[in-house]
Amino acid sequence: MISTDGFESFISKNRLRHFAVEEVPDPQIADAFLQAEMPDWLVRELAFYLSQVKVPLSIRSSSSLEDAQFQPYAGLYQTYMIPNNHPDSSVRLKHLVNAVKLVYASTYYENPKAFARHTSNRPQEEAMAIIVQKLTGEEYGDYYYPAISGVAQSHNFYPIPPMKREDGIAYIALGLGKTVVEGERALRFSPRHPTSMPSSQQWTTFCPMPSGISTS
């Protein structure tokens, strides 16, 4: 996890906060952030992390408003995948640093600012943290295949016996989480009853699908 301290330090060091209120095209913002200098302490932390991790990475946004209870900014910021397999450690570090910069840049892109205009939030008050996640999967030749991904909820609002509300519900798919979130075919089950697989017709009748998730 890169805390919001990294974002604040980066923005202040390079005087980039004006992008929060100016109408500037996203590519121009991205270029300005890529040209900016990352704080030395953060570069050292990232370099140490890469010395311990040799698998592909997902660099994900985690802003203060992204998981807000009301009017969340979920889906408005960028995620970047990097292979993290170059034999030169400096190249791997450059890839990671650039990915972090681009996630930071997305804080001030047009979509979040447009969304903010319909809320009481101000873009210049947004703070961005970042989650660097290791991808789980296997290499096959020149390709890396993620094993599994999904979404889990602690409360199942539409349980089908023997499921109970407090048993929760999970939606999983092979590959990346995009499959689940964007409504492609996914497997739905209760973690407490993994062998109980109601038919699609039962799910449709008793369990309306959350927005963006389809039946399997």
C-alpha atoms as a PDB file:
ATOM      1  CA  MET A   1       0.000   0.000   0.000  1.00  0.00           C
ATOM      2  CA  ILE A   2       1.239   3.495  -0.885  1.00  0.00           C
ATOM      3  CA  SER A   3      -0.488   5.843   1.535  1.00  0.00           C
ATOM      4  CA  THR A   4      -1.925   9.231   0.622  1.00  0.00           C
ATOM      5  CA  ASP A   5       1.297  10.746   2.005  1.00  0.00           C
ATOM      6  CA  GLY A   6       2.975   9.668  -1.232  1.00  0.00           C
ATOM      7  CA  PHE A   7       0.358  11.428  -3.319  1.00  0.00           C
ATOM      8  CA  GLU A   8       0.485  14.635  -1.273  1.00  0.00           C
ATOM      9  CA  SER A   9       4.280  14.676  -1.385  1.00  0.00           C
ATOM     10  CA  PHE A  10       4.333  14.101  -5.155  1.00  0.00           C
ATOM     11  CA  ILE A  11       1.678  16.737  -5.894  1.00  0.00           C
ATOM     12  CA  SER A  12       3.271  19.378  -3.644  1.00  0.00           C
ATOM     13  CA  LYS A  13       6.821  18.710  -4.831  1.00  0.00           C
ATOM     14  CA  ASN A  14       5.846  19.224  -8.475  1.00  0.00           C
ATOM     15  CA  ARG A  15       3.111  21.854  -7.997  1.00  0.00           C
ATOM     16  CA  LEU A  16       0.475  19.800  -9.803  1.00  0.00           C
ATOM     17  CA  ARG A  17      -2.638  20.642  -7.812  1.00  0.00           C
ATOM     18  CA  HIS A  18      -3.761  23.258 -10.345  1.00  0.00           C
ATOM     19  CA  PHE A  19      -4.854  20.387 -12.606  1.00  0.00           C
ATOM     20  CA  ALA A  20      -7.660  19.711 -10.125  1.00  0.00           C
ATOM     21  CA  VAL A  21      -9.509  22.869 -11.175  1.00  0.00           C
ATOM     22  CA  GLU A  22      -8.254  23.527 -14.701  1.00  0.00           C
ATOM     23  CA  GLU A  23      -9.939  22.103 -17.803  1.00  0.00           C
ATOM     24  CA  VAL A  24      -7.006  20.236 -19.318  1.00  0.00           C
ATOM     25  CA  PRO A  25      -7.247  17.160 -21.613  1.00  0.00           C
ATOM     26  CA  ASP A  26      -6.457  13.869 -19.890  1.00  0.00           C
ATOM     27  CA  PRO A  27      -3.434  13.077 -22.128  1.00  0.00           C
ATOM     28  CA  GLN A  28      -1.871  16.420 -21.230  1.00  0.00           C
ATOM     29  CA  ILE A  29      -2.354  15.747 -17.518  1.00  0.00           C
ATOM     30  CA  ALA A  30      -0.844  12.283 -17.904  1.00  0.00           C
ATOM     31  CA  ASP A  31       2.188  13.705 -19.712  1.00  0.00           C
ATOM     32  CA  ALA A  32       2.742  16.329 -17.003  1.00  0.00           C
ATOM     33  CA  PHE A  33       2.617  13.686 -14.277  1.00  0.00           C
ATOM     34  CA  LEU A  34       5.001  11.379 -16.154  1.00  0.00           C
ATOM     35  CA  GLN A  35       7.485  14.230 -16.478  1.00  0.00           C
ATOM     36  CA  ALA A  36       7.226  15.104 -12.773  1.00  0.00           C
ATOM     37  CA  GLU A  37       9.758  13.877 -10.216  1.00  0.00           C
ATOM     38  CA  MET A  38       8.785  11.211  -7.732  1.00  0.00           C
ATOM     39  CA  PRO A  39       9.894  11.823  -4.096  1.00  0.00           C
ATOM     40  CA  ASP A  40      13.171  10.052  -3.379  1.00  0.00           C
ATOM     41  CA  TRP A  41      11.819   8.257  -0.316  1.00  0.00           C
ATOM     42  CA  LEU A  42       8.986   6.728  -2.322  1.00  0.00           C
ATOM     43  CA  VAL A  43      11.303   5.600  -5.121  1.00  0.00           C
ATOM     44  CA  ARG A  44      13.488   3.850  -2.531  1.00  0.00           C
ATOM     45  CA  GLU A  45      10.460   2.092  -1.058  1.00  0.00           C
ATOM     46  CA  LEU A  46       9.302   0.928  -4.482  1.00  0.00           C
ATOM     47  CA  ALA A  47      12.790  -0.288  -5.399  1.00  0.00           C
ATOM     48  CA  PHE A  48      12.969  -2.341  -2.203  1.00  0.00           C
ATOM     49  CA  TYR A  49       9.549  -3.826  -2.889  1.00  0.00           C
ATOM     50  CA  LEU A  50      10.590  -4.893  -6.383  1.00  0.00           C
ATOM     51  CA  SER A  51      13.702  -6.542  -4.995  1.00  0.00           C
ATOM     52  CA  GLN A  52      11.364  -8.940  -3.179  1.00  0.00           C
ATOM     53  CA  VAL A  53       8.646  -9.404  -5.811  1.00  0.00           C
ATOM     54  CA  LYS A  54       9.128 -10.884  -9.279  1.00  0.00           C
ATOM     55  CA  VAL A  55       5.550 -11.554 -10.431  1.00  0.00           C
ATOM     56  CA  PRO A  56       3.216  -9.376 -12.546  1.00  0.00           C
ATOM     57  CA  LEU A  57       1.647  -6.498 -10.636  1.00  0.00           C
ATOM     58  CA  SER A  58      -1.604  -4.585 -10.645  1.00  0.00           C
ATOM     59  CA  ILE A  59      -1.307  -0.920  -9.631  1.00  0.00           C
ATOM     60  CA  ARG A  60      -4.734   0.126  -8.378  1.00  0.00           C
ATOM     61  CA  SER A  61      -6.298   3.336  -7.135  1.00  0.00           C
ATOM     62  CA  SER A  62      -7.614   3.613  -3.590  1.00  0.00           C
ATOM     63  CA  SER A  63      -8.729   7.196  -3.082  1.00  0.00           C
ATOM     64  CA  SER A  64     -10.416   8.681  -0.040  1.00  0.00           C
ATOM     65  CA  LEU A  65     -13.648   9.105  -2.027  1.00  0.00           C
ATOM     66  CA  GLU A  66     -13.549   5.867  -4.012  1.00  0.00           C
ATOM     67  CA  ASP A  67     -15.258   3.761  -1.352  1.00  0.00           C
ATOM     68  CA  ALA A  68     -17.363   6.519   0.183  1.00  0.00           C
ATOM     69  CA  GLN A  69     -20.686   5.304   1.582  1.00  0.00           C
ATOM     70  CA  PHE A  70     -22.595   7.867  -0.458  1.00  0.00           C
ATOM     71  CA  GLN A  71     -21.699   8.899  -4.026  1.00  0.00           C
ATOM     72  CA  PRO A  72     -18.587   6.679  -4.287  1.00  0.00           C
ATOM     73  CA  TYR A  73     -16.030   7.385  -7.009  1.00  0.00           C
ATOM     74  CA  ALA A  74     -15.586   3.692  -7.778  1.00  0.00           C
ATOM     75  CA  GLY A  75     -14.587   3.005 -11.388  1.00  0.00           C
ATOM     76  CA  LEU A  76     -13.505   6.565 -12.148  1.00  0.00           C
ATOM     77  CA  TYR A  77      -9.775   6.114 -11.660  1.00  0.00           C
ATOM     78  CA  GLN A  78      -7.182   4.071 -13.522  1.00  0.00           C
ATOM     79  CA  THR A  79      -5.623   0.655 -12.914  1.00  0.00           C
ATOM     80  CA  TYR A  80      -2.405  -0.421 -14.632  1.00  0.00           C
ATOM     81  CA  MET A  81      -0.884  -3.869 -15.104  1.00  0.00           C
ATOM     82  CA  ILE A  82       2.869  -4.315 -15.449  1.00  0.00           C
ATOM     83  CA  PRO A  83       4.698  -7.565 -16.298  1.00  0.00           C
ATOM     84  CA  ASN A  84       7.524  -6.921 -13.790  1.00  0.00           C
ATOM     85  CA  ASN A  85       9.756  -9.401 -15.592  1.00  0.00           C
ATOM     86  CA  HIS A  86      12.467  -7.314 -17.252  1.00  0.00           C
ATOM     87  CA  PRO A  87      16.004  -8.558 -16.460  1.00  0.00           C
ATOM     88  CA  ASP A  88      17.105  -4.973 -15.688  1.00  0.00           C
ATOM     89  CA  SER A  89      15.814  -3.942 -12.254  1.00  0.00           C
ATOM     90  CA  SER A  90      15.975  -0.249 -13.214  1.00  0.00           C
ATOM     91  CA  VAL A  91      13.544  -0.864 -16.081  1.00  0.00           C
ATOM     92  CA  ARG A  92      11.169  -2.704 -13.763  1.00  0.00           C
ATOM     93  CA  LEU A  93      11.356   0.213 -11.336  1.00  0.00           C
ATOM     94  CA  LYS A  94      10.656   2.718 -14.107  1.00  0.00           C
ATOM     95  CA  HIS A  95       7.566   0.759 -15.147  1.00  0.00           C
ATOM     96  CA  LEU A  96       6.256   0.748 -11.576  1.00  0.00           C
ATOM     97  CA  VAL A  97       7.010   4.425 -10.957  1.00  0.00           C
ATOM     98  CA  ASN A  98       5.286   5.425 -14.206  1.00  0.00           C
ATOM     99  CA  ALA A  99       2.246   3.316 -13.350  1.00  0.00           C
ATOM    100  CA  VAL A 100       1.999   5.015  -9.950  1.00  0.00           C
ATOM    101  CA  LYS A 101       2.292   8.443 -11.595  1.00  0.00           C
ATOM    102  CA  LEU A 102      -0.487   7.597 -14.047  1.00  0.00           C
ATOM    103  CA  VAL A 103      -2.813   6.459 -11.271  1.00  0.00           C
ATOM    104  CA  TYR A 104      -2.064   9.740  -9.511  1.00  0.00           C
ATOM    105  CA  ALA A 105      -2.796  11.606 -12.750  1.00  0.00           C
ATOM    106  CA  SER A 106      -6.212   9.981 -13.069  1.00  0.00           C
ATOM    107  CA  THR A 107      -7.234  11.793  -9.874  1.00  0.00           C
ATOM    108  CA  TYR A 108      -7.555  14.945 -11.967  1.00  0.00           C
ATOM    109  CA  TYR A 109      -8.967  13.446 -15.173  1.00  0.00           C
ATOM    110  CA  GLU A 110     -12.217  14.745 -16.653  1.00  0.00           C
ATOM    111  CA  ASN A 111     -14.486  11.908 -15.479  1.00  0.00           C
ATOM    112  CA  PRO A 112     -13.779  12.367 -11.741  1.00  0.00           C
ATOM    113  CA  LYS A 113     -14.072  16.150 -12.101  1.00  0.00           C
ATOM    114  CA  ALA A 114     -17.353  15.806 -13.982  1.00  0.00           C
ATOM    115  CA  PHE A 115     -18.664  13.478 -11.278  1.00  0.00           C
ATOM    116  CA  ALA A 116     -17.565  15.948  -8.590  1.00  0.00           C
ATOM    117  CA  ARG A 117     -19.671  18.670 -10.207  1.00  0.00           C
ATOM    118  CA  HIS A 118     -22.762  16.684  -9.209  1.00  0.00           C
ATOM    119  CA  THR A 119     -21.617  16.280  -5.604  1.00  0.00           C
ATOM    120  CA  SER A 120     -20.441  18.492  -2.766  1.00  0.00           C
ATOM    121  CA  ASN A 121     -16.863  17.209  -3.185  1.00  0.00           C
ATOM    122  CA  ARG A 122     -14.024  19.311  -4.548  1.00  0.00           C
ATOM    123  CA  PRO A 123     -11.357  17.612  -6.738  1.00  0.00           C
ATOM    124  CA  GLN A 124      -8.521  19.539  -5.079  1.00  0.00           C
ATOM    125  CA  GLU A 125      -9.417  17.893  -1.762  1.00  0.00           C
ATOM    126  CA  GLU A 126      -9.175  14.346  -3.117  1.00  0.00           C
ATOM    127  CA  ALA A 127      -6.280  12.222  -1.833  1.00  0.00           C
ATOM    128  CA  MET A 128      -5.071   9.137  -3.678  1.00  0.00           C
ATOM    129  CA  ALA A 129      -3.571   6.045  -2.106  1.00  0.00           C
ATOM    130  CA  ILE A 130      -2.426   3.112  -4.227  1.00  0.00           C
ATOM    131  CA  ILE A 131      -2.575  -0.649  -3.792  1.00  0.00           C
ATOM    132  CA  VAL A 132       0.158  -2.656  -5.510  1.00  0.00           C
ATOM    133  CA  GLN A 133      -1.119  -6.210  -5.841  1.00  0.00           C
ATOM    134  CA  LYS A 134       0.616  -9.360  -6.959  1.00  0.00           C
ATOM    135  CA  LEU A 135      -1.248 -11.286  -9.633  1.00  0.00           C
ATOM    136  CA  THR A 136      -1.789 -14.966  -8.913  1.00  0.00           C
ATOM    137  CA  GLY A 137      -1.441 -17.245 -11.895  1.00  0.00           C
ATOM    138  CA  GLU A 138       0.923 -19.291 -14.053  1.00  0.00           C
ATOM    139  CA  GLU A 139       3.306 -18.641 -16.919  1.00  0.00           C
ATOM    140  CA  TYR A 140       2.693 -20.472 -20.182  1.00  0.00           C
ATOM    141  CA  GLY A 141       5.405 -19.670 -22.690  1.00  0.00           C
ATOM    142  CA  ASP A 142       5.475 -15.920 -23.211  1.00  0.00           C
ATOM    143  CA  TYR A 143       2.134 -15.368 -21.491  1.00  0.00           C
ATOM    144  CA  TYR A 144       0.966 -15.074 -17.897  1.00  0.00           C
ATOM    145  CA  TYR A 145      -2.525 -16.317 -17.103  1.00  0.00           C
ATOM    146  CA  PRO A 146      -4.245 -15.018 -13.937  1.00  0.00           C
ATOM    147  CA  ALA A 147      -5.811 -17.890 -12.010  1.00  0.00           C
ATOM    148  CA  ILE A 148      -9.086 -16.498 -10.727  1.00  0.00           C
ATOM    149  CA  SER A 149     -10.776 -13.277  -9.668  1.00  0.00           C
ATOM    150  CA  GLY A 150     -14.076 -12.131  -8.323  1.00  0.00           C
ATOM    151  CA  VAL A 151     -16.199 -10.146  -5.912  1.00  0.00           C
ATOM    152  CA  ALA A 152     -17.374 -11.318  -2.490  1.00  0.00           C
ATOM    153  CA  GLN A 153     -20.124  -9.853  -0.333  1.00  0.00           C
ATOM    154  CA  SER A 154     -20.532 -10.608   3.375  1.00  0.00           C
ATOM    155  CA  HIS A 155     -24.345 -10.430   3.151  1.00  0.00           C
ATOM    156  CA  ASN A 156     -26.536 -12.294   0.682  1.00  0.00           C
ATOM    157  CA  PHE A 157     -29.767 -10.349   0.219  1.00  0.00           C
ATOM    158  CA  TYR A 158     -31.406 -13.102  -1.851  1.00  0.00           C
ATOM    159  CA  PRO A 159     -30.479 -16.471  -0.314  1.00  0.00           C
ATOM    160  CA  ILE A 160     -31.755 -19.730  -1.786  1.00  0.00           C
ATOM    161  CA  PRO A 161     -31.983 -22.597   0.760  1.00  0.00           C
ATOM    162  CA  PRO A 162     -29.793 -23.958   2.260  1.00  0.00           C
ATOM    163  CA  MET A 163     -28.063 -20.553   1.974  1.00  0.00           C
ATOM    164  CA  LYS A 164     -28.633 -17.908   4.629  1.00  0.00           C
ATOM    165  CA  ARG A 165     -28.231 -14.151   4.424  1.00  0.00           C
ATOM    166  CA  GLU A 166     -25.245 -14.118   6.777  1.00  0.00           C
ATOM    167  CA  ASP A 167     -23.408 -16.762   4.680  1.00  0.00           C
ATOM    168  CA  GLY A 168     -22.472 -14.175   2.064  1.00  0.00           C
ATOM    169  CA  ILE A 169     -22.182 -14.568  -1.696  1.00  0.00           C
ATOM    170  CA  ALA A 170     -19.297 -14.668  -4.171  1.00  0.00           C
ATOM    171  CA  TYR A 171     -19.006 -14.069  -7.918  1.00  0.00           C
ATOM    172  CA  ILE A 172     -15.894 -15.538  -9.512  1.00  0.00           C
ATOM    173  CA  ALA A 173     -14.442 -15.985 -12.982  1.00  0.00           C
ATOM    174  CA  LEU A 174     -11.240 -17.085 -14.638  1.00  0.00           C
ATOM    175  CA  GLY A 175      -8.883 -14.260 -15.516  1.00  0.00           C
ATOM    176  CA  LEU A 176      -9.138 -10.669 -14.337  1.00  0.00           C
ATOM    177  CA  GLY A 177     -11.883  -9.048 -12.254  1.00  0.00           C
ATOM    178  CA  LYS A 178     -13.071  -7.124 -15.302  1.00  0.00           C
ATOM    179  CA  THR A 179     -14.987 -10.245 -16.314  1.00  0.00           C
ATOM    180  CA  VAL A 180     -17.149 -10.033 -13.197  1.00  0.00           C
ATOM    181  CA  VAL A 181     -17.465  -6.269 -12.850  1.00  0.00           C
ATOM    182  CA  GLU A 182     -18.436  -5.653 -16.478  1.00  0.00           C
ATOM    183  CA  GLY A 183     -21.216  -8.223 -16.446  1.00  0.00           C
ATOM    184  CA  GLU A 184     -19.654 -11.080 -18.357  1.00  0.00           C
ATOM    185  CA  ARG A 185     -20.396 -14.691 -17.445  1.00  0.00           C
ATOM    186  CA  ALA A 186     -19.406 -15.481 -13.844  1.00  0.00           C
ATOM    187  CA  LEU A 187     -20.018 -18.271 -11.326  1.00  0.00           C
ATOM    188  CA  ARG A 188     -22.129 -17.328  -8.301  1.00  0.00           C
ATOM    189  CA  PHE A 189     -22.117 -19.345  -5.057  1.00  0.00           C
ATOM    190  CA  SER A 190     -22.197 -19.113  -1.265  1.00  0.00           C
ATOM    191  CA  PRO A 191     -18.754 -19.743   0.315  1.00  0.00           C
ATOM    192  CA  ARG A 192     -20.477 -21.660   3.143  1.00  0.00           C
ATOM    193  CA  HIS A 193     -22.231 -23.941   0.639  1.00  0.00           C
ATOM    194  CA  PRO A 194     -19.738 -24.240  -2.231  1.00  0.00           C
ATOM    195  CA  THR A 195     -21.339 -27.384  -3.675  1.00  0.00           C
ATOM    196  CA  SER A 196     -24.820 -25.879  -3.825  1.00  0.00           C
ATOM    197  CA  MET A 197     -25.242 -24.513  -7.345  1.00  0.00           C
ATOM    198  CA  PRO A 198     -28.748 -23.188  -8.034  1.00  0.00           C
ATOM    199  CA  SER A 199     -29.650 -22.999 -11.698  1.00  0.00           C
ATOM    200  CA  SER A 200     -29.585 -19.731 -13.604  1.00  0.00           C
ATOM    201  CA  GLN A 201     -33.391 -19.800 -13.667  1.00  0.00           C
ATOM    202  CA  GLN A 202     -33.528 -20.027  -9.858  1.00  0.00           C
ATOM    203  CA  TRP A 203     -31.060 -17.162  -9.490  1.00  0.00           C
ATOM    204  CA  THR A 204     -33.049 -15.023 -11.912  1.00  0.00           C
ATOM    205  CA  THR A 205     -36.293 -15.757 -10.082  1.00  0.00           C
ATOM    206  CA  PHE A 206     -35.098 -15.325  -6.510  1.00  0.00           C
ATOM    207  CA  CYS A 207     -31.872 -13.330  -6.764  1.00  0.00           C
ATOM    208  CA  PRO A 208     -31.911 -10.217  -8.958  1.00  0.00           C
ATOM    209  CA  MET A 209     -28.390  -9.615 -10.204  1.00  0.00           C
ATOM    210  CA  PRO A 210     -26.497  -6.583  -8.883  1.00  0.00           C
ATOM    211  CA  SER A 211     -25.864  -3.991 -11.555  1.00  0.00           C
ATOM    212  CA  GLY A 212     -22.945  -4.957 -13.769  1.00  0.00           C
ATOM    213  CA  ILE A 213     -22.980  -8.696 -12.935  1.00  0.00           C
ATOM    214  CA  SER A 214     -24.624 -11.356 -15.083  1.00  0.00           C
ATOM    215  CA  THR A 215     -25.778 -14.893 -14.483  1.00  0.00           C
ATOM    216  CA  SER A 216     -23.591 -17.863 -15.336  1.00  0.00           C
END
